[in-house]
Amino acid sequence: MAPAWKDESGWTLLELLVGMGMSLAIAASSLLLLQTTLHAQKETGSRLAAQDDGSYAMLRMTKDIRTATAATVQDARTLDLIVPQHDPAGGQPIPAHVRYACAGTGVAGSCARYVCGTPFTSNSCGSPSRVVVILKGVANSDNFQGVSMGVAQPTSQSATTPAAWTGTGSPGPGNVGFVSLHLQVLRTEDAGAYGSNRPLDFHDGADLANFTN
């Protein structure tokens, strides 16, 4: 029998190089799969977060619109409402001037809810008692639009609900009984697998209390 040191069984240099190359290829594929999975999870989480944020903002605004007794769409980014508030003393609901105002676009864009200290008819929101940012990452600037008898009113002029109106008459900026809402919400990880960079789009609207439009 040949001595052990003369045993020629084992790996040749070429086999070692081929084996190392295959091992590196498998490791690289595993890392790529892991990276793709993590990115997909992050993108899905970001989309769900934007979906939740946009849905909450829509629900918050439509709730106020449905209970409001009057509305003025000052412009495409500013909505004033008279919203009855609960009286802690147990009396009649107290009318409050609530303003929704959106500012900026993209990552810096946001919409906030103000409880104003000024009367609804003043067309301004002075000394707000409460300010709550309801949405961040708002990408569009056509957020509010008044609708009169099914006809959308231009946002270049303020559209308002008259003090005495039964929901009938001719369409016009002074006969608004429905407010249309539009929000586009950016995702924090918005590039996506194909680099679409598209925000989520939300459309909704509501009739004011006791009005049919």
Protein backbone atom coordinates (compact mmCIF):
# COMPACT_ATOMS: atom_id res chain seq x y z
CA MET A 1 0.00 0.00 0.00
CA ALA A 2 1.22 3.52 -0.77
CA PRO A 3 2.11 5.78 2.17
CA ALA A 4 -0.62 8.23 3.30
CA TRP A 5 1.43 11.24 2.23
CA LYS A 6 1.34 9.92 -1.31
CA ASP A 7 -2.48 9.77 -1.35
CA GLU A 8 -3.63 11.92 -4.30
CA SER A 9 -7.39 11.93 -3.49
CA GLY A 10 -8.97 15.42 -2.76
CA TRP A 11 -9.71 18.65 -4.62
CA THR A 12 -7.77 20.08 -7.46
CA LEU A 13 -7.17 23.82 -7.70
CA LEU A 14 -9.70 24.10 -10.53
CA GLU A 15 -12.35 22.28 -8.51
CA LEU A 16 -11.71 24.56 -5.54
CA LEU A 17 -12.10 27.67 -7.72
CA VAL A 18 -15.32 26.35 -9.26
CA GLY A 19 -16.69 25.44 -5.83
CA MET A 20 -15.84 28.85 -4.37
CA GLY A 21 -17.47 30.55 -7.34
CA MET A 22 -20.66 28.54 -6.90
CA SER A 23 -20.70 29.26 -3.15
CA LEU A 24 -20.32 32.99 -3.77
CA ALA A 25 -23.10 32.91 -6.38
CA ILE A 26 -25.47 31.14 -3.96
CA ALA A 27 -24.59 33.59 -1.15
CA ALA A 28 -25.13 36.58 -3.46
CA SER A 29 -28.50 35.21 -4.57
CA SER A 30 -29.54 34.72 -0.95
CA LEU A 31 -28.54 38.28 -0.04
CA LEU A 32 -30.37 39.67 -3.07
CA LEU A 33 -33.51 37.73 -2.12
CA LEU A 34 -33.26 39.00 1.46
CA GLN A 35 -32.80 42.59 0.30
CA THR A 36 -35.78 42.33 -2.07
CA THR A 37 -37.95 40.88 0.70
CA LEU A 38 -37.00 43.61 3.18
CA HIS A 39 -37.64 46.33 0.59
CA ALA A 40 -41.04 44.84 -0.27
CA GLN A 41 -41.96 44.71 3.43
CA LYS A 42 -40.91 48.33 3.92
CA GLU A 43 -42.85 49.46 0.84
CA THR A 44 -45.95 47.53 1.94
CA GLY A 45 -45.73 49.01 5.43
CA SER A 46 -45.36 52.49 3.98
CA ARG A 47 -48.35 52.02 1.70
CA LEU A 48 -50.48 50.75 4.58
CA ALA A 49 -49.44 53.72 6.73
CA ALA A 50 -50.37 56.17 3.95
CA GLN A 51 -53.67 54.32 3.43
CA ASP A 52 -54.49 54.62 7.13
CA ASP A 53 -53.49 58.30 7.28
CA GLY A 54 -55.52 59.23 4.20
CA SER A 55 -58.57 57.25 5.33
CA TYR A 56 -58.47 58.87 8.77
CA ALA A 57 -58.26 62.38 7.29
CA MET A 58 -61.19 61.69 4.98
CA LEU A 59 -63.31 60.29 7.81
CA ARG A 60 -62.47 63.24 10.06
CA MET A 61 -63.43 65.83 7.46
CA THR A 62 -66.58 64.12 6.20
CA LYS A 63 -67.78 63.70 9.80
CA ASP A 64 -67.54 67.45 10.36
CA ILE A 65 -69.14 68.23 6.99
CA ARG A 66 -72.13 65.96 7.66
CA THR A 67 -72.83 67.65 11.00
CA ALA A 68 -72.11 71.18 9.74
CA THR A 69 -74.95 73.63 9.28
CA ALA A 70 -73.01 75.85 6.86
CA ALA A 71 -69.83 75.73 4.81
CA THR A 72 -67.67 78.13 2.87
CA VAL A 73 -65.04 76.86 0.44
CA GLN A 74 -62.72 79.86 0.58
CA ASP A 75 -60.41 78.38 -2.04
CA ALA A 76 -59.13 75.00 -3.16
CA ARG A 77 -57.15 74.57 0.08
CA THR A 78 -59.36 76.21 2.72
CA LEU A 79 -62.73 75.02 4.04
CA ASP A 80 -64.72 76.79 6.77
CA LEU A 81 -67.57 75.05 8.61
CA ILE A 82 -70.11 75.77 11.33
CA VAL A 83 -70.04 72.58 13.38
CA PRO A 84 -72.30 72.15 16.44
CA GLN A 85 -70.24 71.18 19.50
CA HIS A 86 -71.42 69.39 22.65
CA ASP A 87 -72.31 71.72 25.51
CA PRO A 88 -70.68 70.46 28.74
CA ALA A 89 -73.52 72.08 30.71
CA GLY A 90 -76.05 69.95 28.88
CA GLY A 91 -77.67 72.77 26.92
CA GLN A 92 -78.14 73.19 23.21
CA PRO A 93 -75.16 72.38 20.95
CA ILE A 94 -72.75 75.29 20.62
CA PRO A 95 -71.89 76.30 17.03
CA ALA A 96 -68.13 76.36 16.44
CA HIS A 97 -66.15 77.78 13.56
CA VAL A 98 -64.01 74.89 12.27
CA ARG A 99 -61.47 75.43 9.51
CA TYR A 100 -59.62 72.84 7.46
CA ALA A 101 -56.57 74.32 5.79
CA CYS A 102 -53.94 72.58 3.67
CA ALA A 103 -50.55 74.08 2.89
CA GLY A 104 -47.44 73.06 1.00
CA THR A 105 -47.09 70.08 -1.33
CA GLY A 106 -45.10 66.87 -1.29
CA VAL A 107 -43.21 65.89 1.84
CA ALA A 108 -43.83 69.35 3.33
CA GLY A 109 -47.55 69.30 2.49
CA SER A 110 -50.09 68.94 5.31
CA CYS A 111 -53.71 69.54 6.27
CA ALA A 112 -54.77 70.79 9.70
CA ARG A 113 -58.04 71.25 11.61
CA TYR A 114 -58.55 74.54 13.46
CA VAL A 115 -61.21 75.50 15.97
CA CYS A 116 -61.29 79.24 15.29
CA GLY A 117 -61.93 82.04 17.73
CA THR A 118 -63.40 84.29 15.05
CA PRO A 119 -66.99 84.11 13.74
CA PHE A 120 -67.70 81.94 10.74
CA THR A 121 -68.70 84.99 8.69
CA SER A 122 -65.35 86.70 9.24
CA ASN A 123 -63.70 84.46 6.61
CA SER A 124 -60.63 84.26 8.84
CA CYS A 125 -59.43 81.98 11.63
CA GLY A 126 -58.12 84.14 14.43
CA SER A 127 -56.97 82.91 17.84
CA PRO A 128 -57.66 79.20 17.25
CA SER A 129 -58.30 77.30 20.47
CA ARG A 130 -57.10 74.05 18.99
CA VAL A 131 -54.96 73.08 16.01
CA VAL A 132 -54.50 69.45 14.98
CA VAL A 133 -52.52 68.28 11.95
CA ILE A 134 -54.64 65.49 10.51
CA LEU A 135 -52.47 64.56 7.54
CA LYS A 136 -48.88 64.95 6.34
CA GLY A 137 -47.34 64.31 2.94
CA VAL A 138 -50.20 65.93 0.99
CA ALA A 139 -49.08 66.08 -2.65
CA ASN A 140 -51.98 67.95 -4.32
CA SER A 141 -53.40 71.46 -4.05
CA ASP A 142 -57.02 70.86 -5.15
CA ASN A 143 -58.31 69.68 -1.79
CA PHE A 144 -61.79 71.24 -1.45
CA GLN A 145 -64.57 72.10 -3.87
CA GLY A 146 -68.12 73.27 -3.27
CA VAL A 147 -70.93 71.58 -5.18
CA SER A 148 -74.28 73.26 -5.81
CA MET A 149 -77.20 71.18 -7.11
CA GLY A 150 -74.76 68.68 -8.57
CA VAL A 151 -72.64 71.36 -10.25
CA ALA A 152 -69.04 71.81 -9.09
CA GLN A 153 -68.29 75.45 -8.33
CA PRO A 154 -65.03 77.12 -9.33
CA THR A 155 -62.51 77.39 -6.51
CA SER A 156 -61.38 80.82 -7.73
CA GLN A 157 -64.33 82.32 -5.85
CA SER A 158 -65.65 81.40 -2.43
CA ALA A 159 -68.67 79.10 -2.46
CA THR A 160 -70.92 79.12 0.59
CA THR A 161 -74.11 77.78 2.12
CA PRO A 162 -76.81 80.43 2.55
CA ALA A 163 -78.25 80.92 6.02
CA ALA A 164 -81.74 79.83 4.88
CA TRP A 165 -81.78 77.23 2.15
CA THR A 166 -83.72 74.00 1.72
CA GLY A 167 -81.48 72.46 -0.88
CA THR A 168 -83.48 73.67 -3.85
CA GLY A 169 -82.94 76.43 -6.37
CA SER A 170 -80.45 77.15 -9.10
CA PRO A 171 -76.85 75.99 -8.94
CA GLY A 172 -74.42 78.72 -8.01
CA PRO A 173 -71.62 79.67 -5.61
CA GLY A 174 -74.17 80.78 -3.02
CA ASN A 175 -76.07 77.47 -2.91
CA VAL A 176 -73.45 74.99 -1.75
CA GLY A 177 -74.82 71.96 0.07
CA PHE A 178 -72.12 69.40 -0.76
CA VAL A 179 -68.34 69.57 -0.32
CA SER A 180 -66.04 67.44 -2.46
CA LEU A 181 -62.68 66.32 -1.01
CA HIS A 182 -59.51 65.24 -2.82
CA LEU A 183 -56.26 64.20 -1.14
CA GLN A 184 -53.11 62.66 -2.58
CA VAL A 185 -50.87 61.16 0.09
CA LEU A 186 -47.19 60.39 -0.41
CA ARG A 187 -45.64 57.22 0.94
CA THR A 188 -42.48 57.46 3.03
CA GLU A 189 -40.91 54.75 0.87
CA ASP A 190 -42.60 55.86 -2.34
CA ALA A 191 -40.13 54.78 -5.01
CA GLY A 192 -41.53 51.25 -5.12
CA ALA A 193 -40.15 48.30 -7.01
CA TYR A 194 -40.57 50.11 -10.33
CA GLY A 195 -39.83 53.64 -9.17
CA SER A 196 -43.40 54.84 -9.76
CA ASN A 197 -43.23 57.49 -7.02
CA ARG A 198 -47.03 57.86 -7.21
CA PRO A 199 -49.03 58.98 -4.15
CA LEU A 200 -52.21 57.31 -2.98
CA ASP A 201 -55.33 59.07 -4.29
CA PHE A 202 -58.38 59.69 -2.09
CA HIS A 203 -61.73 61.10 -3.26
CA ASP A 204 -64.77 61.63 -1.06
CA GLY A 205 -67.37 64.19 -0.12
CA ALA A 206 -70.49 64.75 1.96
CA ASP A 207 -73.72 66.70 2.19
CA LEU A 208 -74.09 69.23 4.96
CA ALA A 209 -76.58 68.50 7.73
CA ASN A 210 -80.22 68.97 6.67
CA PHE A 211 -79.18 69.71 3.08
CA THR A 212 -79.62 67.57 -0.01
CA ASN A 213 -77.48 68.39 -3.01
